[in-house]
């Protein structure tokens, strides 16, 4: 939302948020192992990720809808303008492969 991606996929956004939360939580858990008596707790990793997923699912769609209304997007219209065609895609000429007799070392009889 901060980057202005109002047209982002809900599922993709949720997966990215969960992945980032899981990685940050794992990093914190691994840093805690430097403290004597602390061990990695998988429960806190899973609960942190689940909490972030619930918070994301609850607040991000509502926030995007509010930002769309504020920006004046009409329902059913494209959020991003169509780009003009840029012309033909350039191609690269094919290069032949060397004959096998040149590529392989000479064989002994």
C-alpha atoms as a PDB file:
ATOM      1  CA  UNK A   1       0.000   0.000   0.000  1.00  0.00           C
ATOM      2  CA  UNK A   2       2.808   2.395   0.793  1.00  0.00           C
ATOM      3  CA  UNK A   3       4.175   2.036  -2.738  1.00  0.00           C
ATOM      4  CA  UNK A   4       0.820   2.870  -4.327  1.00  0.00           C
ATOM      5  CA  UNK A   5       0.041  -0.625  -5.588  1.00  0.00           C
ATOM      6  CA  UNK A   6      -3.718  -0.378  -5.440  1.00  0.00           C
ATOM      7  CA  UNK A   7      -4.192  -3.043  -8.105  1.00  0.00           C
ATOM      8  CA  UNK A   8      -2.058  -5.741  -6.446  1.00  0.00           C
ATOM      9  CA  UNK A   9      -3.398  -9.257  -6.131  1.00  0.00           C
ATOM     10  CA  UNK A  10      -4.878  -9.993  -2.710  1.00  0.00           C
ATOM     11  CA  UNK A  11      -3.407 -13.481  -2.566  1.00  0.00           C
ATOM     12  CA  UNK A  12       0.002 -12.361  -3.808  1.00  0.00           C
ATOM     13  CA  UNK A  13       0.071  -9.527  -1.322  1.00  0.00           C
ATOM     14  CA  UNK A  14      -0.867 -11.878   1.526  1.00  0.00           C
ATOM     15  CA  UNK A  15       1.796 -14.399   0.541  1.00  0.00           C
ATOM     16  CA  UNK A  16       4.470 -11.677   0.341  1.00  0.00           C
ATOM     17  CA  UNK A  17       3.460 -10.332   3.751  1.00  0.00           C
ATOM     18  CA  UNK A  18       3.506 -13.801   5.323  1.00  0.00           C
ATOM     19  CA  UNK A  19       6.880 -14.627   3.786  1.00  0.00           C
ATOM     20  CA  UNK A  20       8.432 -11.374   4.973  1.00  0.00           C
ATOM     21  CA  UNK A  21       6.989 -11.851   8.459  1.00  0.00           C
ATOM     22  CA  UNK A  22       8.230 -15.432   8.667  1.00  0.00           C
ATOM     23  CA  UNK A  23      11.744 -14.412   7.583  1.00  0.00           C
ATOM     24  CA  UNK A  24      11.955 -11.505  10.031  1.00  0.00           C
ATOM     25  CA  UNK A  25      10.580 -13.675  12.832  1.00  0.00           C
ATOM     26  CA  UNK A  26      13.094 -16.409  12.012  1.00  0.00           C
ATOM     27  CA  UNK A  27      15.923 -13.864  12.057  1.00  0.00           C
ATOM     28  CA  UNK A  28      14.824 -12.645  15.500  1.00  0.00           C
ATOM     29  CA  UNK A  29      14.577 -16.208  16.775  1.00  0.00           C
ATOM     30  CA  UNK A  30      18.055 -17.020  15.496  1.00  0.00           C
ATOM     31  CA  UNK A  31      19.467 -13.847  17.049  1.00  0.00           C
ATOM     32  CA  UNK A  32      17.955 -14.873  20.369  1.00  0.00           C
ATOM     33  CA  UNK A  33      20.150 -17.974  20.387  1.00  0.00           C
ATOM     34  CA  UNK A  34      23.098 -15.679  21.170  1.00  0.00           C
ATOM     35  CA  UNK A  35      21.518 -15.024  24.584  1.00  0.00           C
ATOM     36  CA  UNK A  36      22.388 -17.777  27.082  1.00  0.00           C
ATOM     37  CA  UNK A  37      19.413 -19.982  27.870  1.00  0.00           C
ATOM     38  CA  UNK A  38      17.379 -18.962  24.809  1.00  0.00           C
ATOM     39  CA  UNK A  39      16.425 -21.482  22.129  1.00  0.00           C
ATOM     40  CA  UNK A  40      14.534 -21.222  18.845  1.00  0.00           C
ATOM     41  CA  UNK A  41      10.805 -21.599  19.478  1.00  0.00           C
ATOM     42  CA  UNK A  42       8.846 -22.686  16.426  1.00  0.00           C
ATOM     43  CA  UNK A  43       5.564 -21.763  18.121  1.00  0.00           C
ATOM     44  CA  UNK A  44       6.449 -18.078  18.244  1.00  0.00           C
ATOM     45  CA  UNK A  45       7.522 -18.206  14.598  1.00  0.00           C
ATOM     46  CA  UNK A  46       4.191 -19.736  13.549  1.00  0.00           C
ATOM     47  CA  UNK A  47       2.109 -17.442  15.766  1.00  0.00           C
ATOM     48  CA  UNK A  48       3.925 -14.323  14.549  1.00  0.00           C
ATOM     49  CA  UNK A  49       3.286 -15.352  10.939  1.00  0.00           C
ATOM     50  CA  UNK A  50      -0.368 -16.198  11.617  1.00  0.00           C
ATOM     51  CA  UNK A  51      -0.900 -12.890  13.441  1.00  0.00           C
ATOM     52  CA  UNK A  52       0.594 -10.921  10.583  1.00  0.00           C
ATOM     53  CA  UNK A  53      -1.582 -12.839   8.095  1.00  0.00           C
ATOM     54  CA  UNK A  54      -4.722 -12.061  10.088  1.00  0.00           C
ATOM     55  CA  UNK A  55      -3.791  -8.399  10.437  1.00  0.00           C
ATOM     56  CA  UNK A  56      -2.987  -8.171   6.726  1.00  0.00           C
ATOM     57  CA  UNK A  57      -6.259  -9.851   5.742  1.00  0.00           C
ATOM     58  CA  UNK A  58      -8.231  -7.549   8.045  1.00  0.00           C
ATOM     59  CA  UNK A  59      -6.698  -4.170   7.255  1.00  0.00           C
ATOM     60  CA  UNK A  60      -5.016  -4.135   3.843  1.00  0.00           C
ATOM     61  CA  UNK A  61      -8.136  -4.702   1.642  1.00  0.00           C
ATOM     62  CA  UNK A  62     -10.034  -2.014   3.570  1.00  0.00           C
ATOM     63  CA  UNK A  63      -7.081   0.352   3.295  1.00  0.00           C
ATOM     64  CA  UNK A  64      -6.767  -0.194  -0.444  1.00  0.00           C
ATOM     65  CA  UNK A  65     -10.493   0.370  -0.936  1.00  0.00           C
ATOM     66  CA  UNK A  66     -10.267   3.619   1.021  1.00  0.00           C
ATOM     67  CA  UNK A  67      -7.261   4.745  -1.045  1.00  0.00           C
ATOM     68  CA  UNK A  68      -9.088   3.892  -4.293  1.00  0.00           C
ATOM     69  CA  UNK A  69     -12.102   5.964  -3.230  1.00  0.00           C
ATOM     70  CA  UNK A  70      -9.855   8.826  -2.179  1.00  0.00           C
ATOM     71  CA  UNK A  71      -7.975   8.731  -5.501  1.00  0.00           C
ATOM     72  CA  UNK A  72     -11.260   8.796  -7.439  1.00  0.00           C
ATOM     73  CA  UNK A  73     -11.129   5.423  -9.146  1.00  0.00           C
ATOM     74  CA  UNK A  74     -14.519   4.404 -10.489  1.00  0.00           C
ATOM     75  CA  UNK A  75     -15.552   0.788  -9.943  1.00  0.00           C
ATOM     76  CA  UNK A  76     -14.854  -1.398 -12.956  1.00  0.00           C
ATOM     77  CA  UNK A  77     -12.270   0.896 -14.557  1.00  0.00           C
ATOM     78  CA  UNK A  78      -8.646  -0.001 -15.071  1.00  0.00           C
ATOM     79  CA  UNK A  79      -6.376   1.206 -12.302  1.00  0.00           C
ATOM     80  CA  UNK A  80      -3.364   1.489 -14.579  1.00  0.00           C
ATOM     81  CA  UNK A  81      -3.468   3.197 -17.995  1.00  0.00           C
ATOM     82  CA  UNK A  82      -2.797   1.110 -21.083  1.00  0.00           C
ATOM     83  CA  UNK A  83       0.642   1.584 -22.625  1.00  0.00           C
ATOM     84  CA  UNK A  84       1.133   2.265 -26.314  1.00  0.00           C
ATOM     85  CA  UNK A  85       2.679  -0.523 -28.396  1.00  0.00           C
ATOM     86  CA  UNK A  86       6.411  -0.015 -28.697  1.00  0.00           C
ATOM     87  CA  UNK A  87       6.880  -1.620 -32.097  1.00  0.00           C
ATOM     88  CA  UNK A  88       8.351  -4.896 -33.245  1.00  0.00           C
ATOM     89  CA  UNK A  89      10.429  -6.985 -30.880  1.00  0.00           C
ATOM     90  CA  UNK A  90      14.045  -7.119 -32.039  1.00  0.00           C
ATOM     91  CA  UNK A  91      15.440 -10.526 -32.927  1.00  0.00           C
ATOM     92  CA  UNK A  92      18.950 -11.914 -32.795  1.00  0.00           C
ATOM     93  CA  UNK A  93      20.349 -13.751 -35.814  1.00  0.00           C
ATOM     94  CA  UNK A  94      20.977 -17.442 -35.218  1.00  0.00           C
ATOM     95  CA  UNK A  95      24.555 -18.602 -34.989  1.00  0.00           C
ATOM     96  CA  UNK A  96      25.386 -22.063 -36.302  1.00  0.00           C
ATOM     97  CA  UNK A  97      26.942 -24.711 -34.071  1.00  0.00           C
ATOM     98  CA  UNK A  98      30.432 -25.916 -34.911  1.00  0.00           C
ATOM     99  CA  UNK A  99      30.618 -29.328 -36.571  1.00  0.00           C
ATOM    100  CA  UNK A 100      31.272 -32.186 -34.185  1.00  0.00           C
ATOM    101  CA  UNK A 101      34.622 -32.934 -35.782  1.00  0.00           C
ATOM    102  CA  UNK A 102      35.869 -29.457 -34.819  1.00  0.00           C
ATOM    103  CA  UNK A 103      34.416 -29.498 -31.291  1.00  0.00           C
ATOM    104  CA  UNK A 104      35.650 -32.925 -30.138  1.00  0.00           C
ATOM    105  CA  UNK A 105      39.271 -33.921 -29.567  1.00  0.00           C
ATOM    106  CA  UNK A 106      40.710 -36.344 -32.106  1.00  0.00           C
ATOM    107  CA  UNK A 107      39.936 -39.934 -31.241  1.00  0.00           C
ATOM    108  CA  UNK A 108      42.678 -42.521 -31.033  1.00  0.00           C
ATOM    109  CA  UNK A 109      42.392 -45.577 -33.363  1.00  0.00           C
END
